[in-house]
Amino acid sequence: MVASSMVFSFFLCLSNFILLNLVMAVLMQELQEAMQRSQKTQSSLSVLMSVSAAANKWAQKATGSEAGSVVSLNISPSKGSVEAPSPMEGALAAVKRKNSTAE
């Protein structure tokens, strides 16, 4: 009787240990996949920013003003937030500059 309860207790401890290891392995795999997705998103965002900067330079050269700078993104690395200016900011800046030079 004592031997059977000791074997059963040993079996319970061993099965709990195995289940705990399986759960930890699944959680570690999910963490690694999430980290890879995060790195992929950051690289995509940097490509988007460089394309946006190139488009802004082209638009500034084409129009001769900063009216084309409506697609720029401001990223603050400390907060990790992305702020997009309103589409009218570049055009408004160009109009203000023309008005100030006309006076």
N, C-alpha and C. Protein backbone atom coordinates (compact mmCIF):
# COMPACT_ATOMS: atom_id res chain seq x y z
N MET A 1 0.82 -1.18 0.00
CA MET A 1 0.00 0.00 0.00
C MET A 1 0.87 1.26 0.00
N VAL A 2 1.90 1.27 0.84
CA VAL A 2 2.79 2.43 0.91
C VAL A 2 3.58 2.55 -0.38
N ALA A 3 3.99 1.44 -0.95
CA ALA A 3 4.77 1.47 -2.18
C ALA A 3 3.94 2.00 -3.34
N SER A 4 2.67 1.60 -3.42
CA SER A 4 1.83 2.06 -4.52
C SER A 4 1.56 3.56 -4.40
N SER A 5 1.37 4.08 -3.21
CA SER A 5 1.15 5.53 -3.06
C SER A 5 2.42 6.31 -3.35
N MET A 6 3.59 5.75 -3.06
CA MET A 6 4.85 6.42 -3.39
C MET A 6 5.06 6.43 -4.90
N VAL A 7 4.73 5.33 -5.59
CA VAL A 7 4.86 5.27 -7.04
C VAL A 7 3.90 6.27 -7.68
N PHE A 8 2.66 6.34 -7.16
CA PHE A 8 1.68 7.28 -7.69
C PHE A 8 2.15 8.73 -7.47
N SER A 9 2.70 9.05 -6.31
CA SER A 9 3.20 10.40 -6.03
C SER A 9 4.37 10.74 -6.96
N PHE A 10 5.26 9.76 -7.17
CA PHE A 10 6.38 9.97 -8.09
C PHE A 10 5.87 10.21 -9.50
N PHE A 11 4.85 9.45 -9.93
CA PHE A 11 4.27 9.63 -11.26
C PHE A 11 3.64 11.02 -11.40
N LEU A 12 2.93 11.48 -10.38
CA LEU A 12 2.32 12.81 -10.42
C LEU A 12 3.37 13.91 -10.52
N CYS A 13 4.43 13.79 -9.73
CA CYS A 13 5.50 14.80 -9.77
C CYS A 13 6.19 14.81 -11.14
N LEU A 14 6.47 13.63 -11.67
CA LEU A 14 7.14 13.53 -12.96
C LEU A 14 6.25 14.07 -14.09
N SER A 15 4.96 13.75 -14.09
CA SER A 15 4.07 14.23 -15.14
C SER A 15 3.89 15.74 -15.06
N ASN A 16 3.82 16.30 -13.85
CA ASN A 16 3.72 17.76 -13.71
C ASN A 16 4.98 18.44 -14.22
N PHE A 17 6.14 17.85 -13.94
CA PHE A 17 7.40 18.42 -14.41
C PHE A 17 7.45 18.42 -15.95
N ILE A 18 7.01 17.32 -16.56
CA ILE A 18 7.02 17.23 -18.02
C ILE A 18 6.05 18.23 -18.63
N LEU A 19 4.86 18.36 -18.07
CA LEU A 19 3.89 19.32 -18.57
C LEU A 19 4.39 20.75 -18.42
N LEU A 20 5.04 21.05 -17.32
CA LEU A 20 5.61 22.38 -17.11
C LEU A 20 6.67 22.68 -18.17
N ASN A 21 7.52 21.71 -18.46
CA ASN A 21 8.54 21.90 -19.49
C ASN A 21 7.92 22.12 -20.87
N LEU A 22 6.85 21.41 -21.18
CA LEU A 22 6.18 21.60 -22.47
C LEU A 22 5.58 22.99 -22.59
N VAL A 23 4.94 23.45 -21.53
CA VAL A 23 4.34 24.79 -21.54
C VAL A 23 5.42 25.85 -21.69
N MET A 24 6.52 25.70 -21.00
CA MET A 24 7.61 26.67 -21.10
C MET A 24 8.22 26.66 -22.51
N ALA A 25 8.33 25.49 -23.12
CA ALA A 25 8.88 25.42 -24.48
C ALA A 25 7.96 26.13 -25.47
N VAL A 26 6.66 25.97 -25.33
CA VAL A 26 5.72 26.64 -26.23
C VAL A 26 5.78 28.15 -26.02
N LEU A 27 5.85 28.60 -24.77
CA LEU A 27 5.93 30.02 -24.49
C LEU A 27 7.22 30.64 -25.03
N MET A 28 8.33 29.94 -24.92
CA MET A 28 9.60 30.45 -25.44
C MET A 28 9.55 30.54 -26.97
N GLN A 29 8.92 29.56 -27.63
CA GLN A 29 8.79 29.60 -29.09
C GLN A 29 7.94 30.80 -29.51
N GLU A 30 6.85 31.06 -28.80
CA GLU A 30 6.00 32.21 -29.11
C GLU A 30 6.76 33.52 -28.90
N LEU A 31 7.58 33.58 -27.86
CA LEU A 31 8.38 34.78 -27.60
C LEU A 31 9.38 35.03 -28.72
N GLN A 32 10.04 33.99 -29.19
CA GLN A 32 11.00 34.14 -30.28
C GLN A 32 10.31 34.60 -31.56
N GLU A 33 9.15 34.06 -31.86
CA GLU A 33 8.42 34.47 -33.05
C GLU A 33 7.97 35.93 -32.95
N ALA A 34 7.55 36.34 -31.76
CA ALA A 34 7.13 37.73 -31.56
C ALA A 34 8.31 38.68 -31.73
N MET A 35 9.48 38.29 -31.27
CA MET A 35 10.67 39.12 -31.41
C MET A 35 11.05 39.24 -32.89
N GLN A 36 10.94 38.16 -33.65
CA GLN A 36 11.25 38.21 -35.08
C GLN A 36 10.25 39.09 -35.82
N ARG A 37 8.97 39.00 -35.46
CA ARG A 37 7.97 39.87 -36.09
C ARG A 37 8.25 41.33 -35.78
N SER A 38 8.69 41.61 -34.56
CA SER A 38 8.99 42.98 -34.17
C SER A 38 10.17 43.52 -34.98
N GLN A 39 11.20 42.72 -35.15
CA GLN A 39 12.36 43.15 -35.94
C GLN A 39 11.96 43.37 -37.40
N LYS A 40 11.09 42.52 -37.92
CA LYS A 40 10.65 42.66 -39.30
C LYS A 40 9.84 43.94 -39.46
N THR A 41 9.02 44.27 -38.47
CA THR A 41 8.22 45.49 -38.51
C THR A 41 9.12 46.72 -38.46
N GLN A 42 10.16 46.68 -37.62
CA GLN A 42 11.08 47.82 -37.53
C GLN A 42 11.82 48.02 -38.84
N SER A 43 12.24 46.94 -39.48
CA SER A 43 12.95 47.09 -40.76
C SER A 43 12.00 47.61 -41.83
N SER A 44 10.74 47.17 -41.82
CA SER A 44 9.76 47.67 -42.78
C SER A 44 9.51 49.15 -42.56
N LEU A 45 9.46 49.57 -41.29
CA LEU A 45 9.23 50.97 -40.98
C LEU A 45 10.40 51.83 -41.43
N SER A 46 11.63 51.33 -41.29
CA SER A 46 12.79 52.11 -41.73
C SER A 46 12.80 52.25 -43.25
N VAL A 47 12.39 51.20 -43.97
CA VAL A 47 12.29 51.29 -45.43
C VAL A 47 11.23 52.30 -45.81
N LEU A 48 10.10 52.28 -45.12
CA LEU A 48 9.02 53.23 -45.40
C LEU A 48 9.48 54.66 -45.15
N MET A 49 10.24 54.88 -44.09
CA MET A 49 10.74 56.22 -43.79
C MET A 49 11.73 56.70 -44.85
N SER A 50 12.60 55.81 -45.33
CA SER A 50 13.56 56.23 -46.35
C SER A 50 12.86 56.53 -47.67
N VAL A 51 11.85 55.75 -48.02
CA VAL A 51 11.08 56.02 -49.23
C VAL A 51 10.34 57.34 -49.09
N SER A 52 9.79 57.59 -47.90
CA SER A 52 9.07 58.84 -47.66
C SER A 52 10.02 60.03 -47.77
N ALA A 53 11.22 59.90 -47.22
CA ALA A 53 12.19 60.99 -47.30
C ALA A 53 12.59 61.25 -48.75
N ALA A 54 12.78 60.18 -49.51
CA ALA A 54 13.13 60.34 -50.93
C ALA A 54 11.99 61.00 -51.70
N ALA A 55 10.76 60.61 -51.40
CA ALA A 55 9.61 61.21 -52.07
C ALA A 55 9.49 62.69 -51.71
N ASN A 56 9.78 63.03 -50.46
CA ASN A 56 9.73 64.43 -50.04
C ASN A 56 10.79 65.26 -50.77
N LYS A 57 12.00 64.72 -50.88
CA LYS A 57 13.07 65.44 -51.59
C LYS A 57 12.69 65.65 -53.04
N TRP A 58 12.13 64.61 -53.66
CA TRP A 58 11.73 64.74 -55.06
C TRP A 58 10.63 65.78 -55.21
N ALA A 59 9.65 65.75 -54.31
CA ALA A 59 8.54 66.71 -54.39
C ALA A 59 9.03 68.13 -54.14
N GLN A 60 9.99 68.30 -53.25
CA GLN A 60 10.53 69.64 -52.99
C GLN A 60 11.28 70.15 -54.20
N LYS A 61 12.04 69.29 -54.85
CA LYS A 61 12.76 69.71 -56.05
C LYS A 61 11.80 69.99 -57.20
N ALA A 62 10.74 69.19 -57.28
CA ALA A 62 9.79 69.35 -58.38
C ALA A 62 8.96 70.63 -58.22
N THR A 63 8.58 70.95 -57.00
CA THR A 63 7.72 72.12 -56.79
C THR A 63 8.51 73.35 -56.38
N GLY A 64 9.72 73.16 -55.94
CA GLY A 64 10.53 74.29 -55.50
C GLY A 64 10.14 74.78 -54.12
N SER A 65 9.38 74.01 -53.40
CA SER A 65 8.97 74.40 -52.04
C SER A 65 8.85 73.16 -51.19
N GLU A 66 8.42 73.36 -49.94
CA GLU A 66 8.23 72.24 -49.04
C GLU A 66 6.80 71.75 -49.05
N ALA A 67 6.03 72.10 -50.07
CA ALA A 67 4.64 71.68 -50.14
C ALA A 67 4.52 70.17 -50.29
N GLY A 68 5.57 69.52 -50.76
CA GLY A 68 5.51 68.08 -50.94
C GLY A 68 5.82 67.29 -49.69
N SER A 69 6.08 67.97 -48.59
CA SER A 69 6.49 67.26 -47.38
C SER A 69 5.30 66.86 -46.52
N VAL A 70 4.30 66.32 -47.14
CA VAL A 70 3.11 65.94 -46.39
C VAL A 70 3.11 64.47 -45.99
N VAL A 71 4.10 63.69 -46.41
CA VAL A 71 4.10 62.27 -46.09
C VAL A 71 5.20 61.90 -45.10
N SER A 72 5.82 62.87 -44.45
CA SER A 72 6.91 62.55 -43.55
C SER A 72 6.38 61.98 -42.24
N LEU A 73 7.19 61.12 -41.61
CA LEU A 73 6.83 60.53 -40.33
C LEU A 73 7.84 60.98 -39.29
N ASN A 74 7.36 61.33 -38.12
CA ASN A 74 8.24 61.69 -37.01
C ASN A 74 8.19 60.56 -36.01
N ILE A 75 9.34 59.94 -35.75
CA ILE A 75 9.39 58.83 -34.82
C ILE A 75 10.28 59.22 -33.66
N SER A 76 9.75 59.11 -32.45
CA SER A 76 10.57 59.37 -31.29
C SER A 76 11.02 58.02 -30.75
N PRO A 77 12.32 57.70 -30.83
CA PRO A 77 12.78 56.37 -30.45
C PRO A 77 12.62 56.09 -28.96
N SER A 78 12.61 57.12 -28.12
CA SER A 78 12.49 56.85 -26.70
C SER A 78 11.09 56.38 -26.34
N LYS A 79 10.08 56.91 -27.00
CA LYS A 79 8.71 56.52 -26.70
C LYS A 79 8.24 55.39 -27.60
N GLY A 80 8.85 55.24 -28.77
CA GLY A 80 8.45 54.21 -29.70
C GLY A 80 7.15 54.52 -30.41
N SER A 81 6.75 55.79 -30.40
CA SER A 81 5.48 56.14 -31.03
C SER A 81 5.74 56.74 -32.41
N VAL A 82 4.77 56.61 -33.27
CA VAL A 82 4.85 57.16 -34.62
C VAL A 82 3.80 58.23 -34.75
N GLU A 83 4.22 59.43 -35.15
CA GLU A 83 3.30 60.53 -35.33
C GLU A 83 3.36 60.97 -36.79
N ALA A 84 2.24 61.00 -37.45
CA ALA A 84 2.18 61.45 -38.83
C ALA A 84 1.56 62.85 -38.85
N PRO A 85 2.21 63.81 -39.50
CA PRO A 85 1.63 65.15 -39.56
C PRO A 85 0.40 65.14 -40.45
N SER A 86 -0.43 66.16 -40.28
CA SER A 86 -1.63 66.23 -41.11
C SER A 86 -1.21 66.52 -42.55
N PRO A 87 -2.00 66.11 -43.52
CA PRO A 87 -1.63 66.29 -44.93
C PRO A 87 -1.50 67.75 -45.34
N MET A 88 -2.10 68.66 -44.59
CA MET A 88 -2.08 70.06 -44.99
C MET A 88 -0.89 70.85 -44.42
N GLU A 89 -0.12 70.25 -43.51
CA GLU A 89 0.96 71.00 -42.86
C GLU A 89 2.00 71.52 -43.86
N GLY A 90 2.42 70.68 -44.80
CA GLY A 90 3.42 71.11 -45.78
C GLY A 90 2.89 72.21 -46.68
N ALA A 91 1.66 72.06 -47.13
CA ALA A 91 1.06 73.09 -48.00
C ALA A 91 0.88 74.40 -47.25
N LEU A 92 0.46 74.31 -45.98
CA LEU A 92 0.28 75.53 -45.18
C LEU A 92 1.61 76.24 -44.94
N ALA A 93 2.66 75.47 -44.73
CA ALA A 93 3.98 76.07 -44.52
C ALA A 93 4.44 76.80 -45.78
N ALA A 94 4.17 76.21 -46.95
CA ALA A 94 4.56 76.85 -48.20
C ALA A 94 3.78 78.14 -48.43
N VAL A 95 2.47 78.14 -48.12
CA VAL A 95 1.65 79.33 -48.29
C VAL A 95 2.11 80.43 -47.34
N LYS A 96 2.40 80.07 -46.09
CA LYS A 96 2.88 81.06 -45.12
C LYS A 96 4.20 81.67 -45.58
N ARG A 97 5.07 80.83 -46.12
CA ARG A 97 6.37 81.31 -46.57
C ARG A 97 6.20 82.25 -47.77
N LYS A 98 5.30 81.92 -48.68
CA LYS A 98 5.05 82.80 -49.83
C LYS A 98 4.44 84.12 -49.38
N ASN A 99 3.54 84.07 -48.41
CA ASN A 99 2.93 85.30 -47.90
C ASN A 99 3.94 86.18 -47.19
N SER A 100 4.86 85.56 -46.46
CA SER A 100 5.86 86.36 -45.73
C SER A 100 6.86 86.99 -46.70
N THR A 101 7.18 86.32 -47.81
CA THR A 101 8.12 86.88 -48.77
C THR A 101 7.44 87.93 -49.67
N ALA A 102 6.12 87.82 -49.83
CA ALA A 102 5.38 88.77 -50.68
C ALA A 102 5.24 90.14 -49.99
N GLU A 103 5.28 90.15 -48.67
CA GLU A 103 5.11 91.42 -47.94
C GLU A 103 6.32 92.24 -47.93
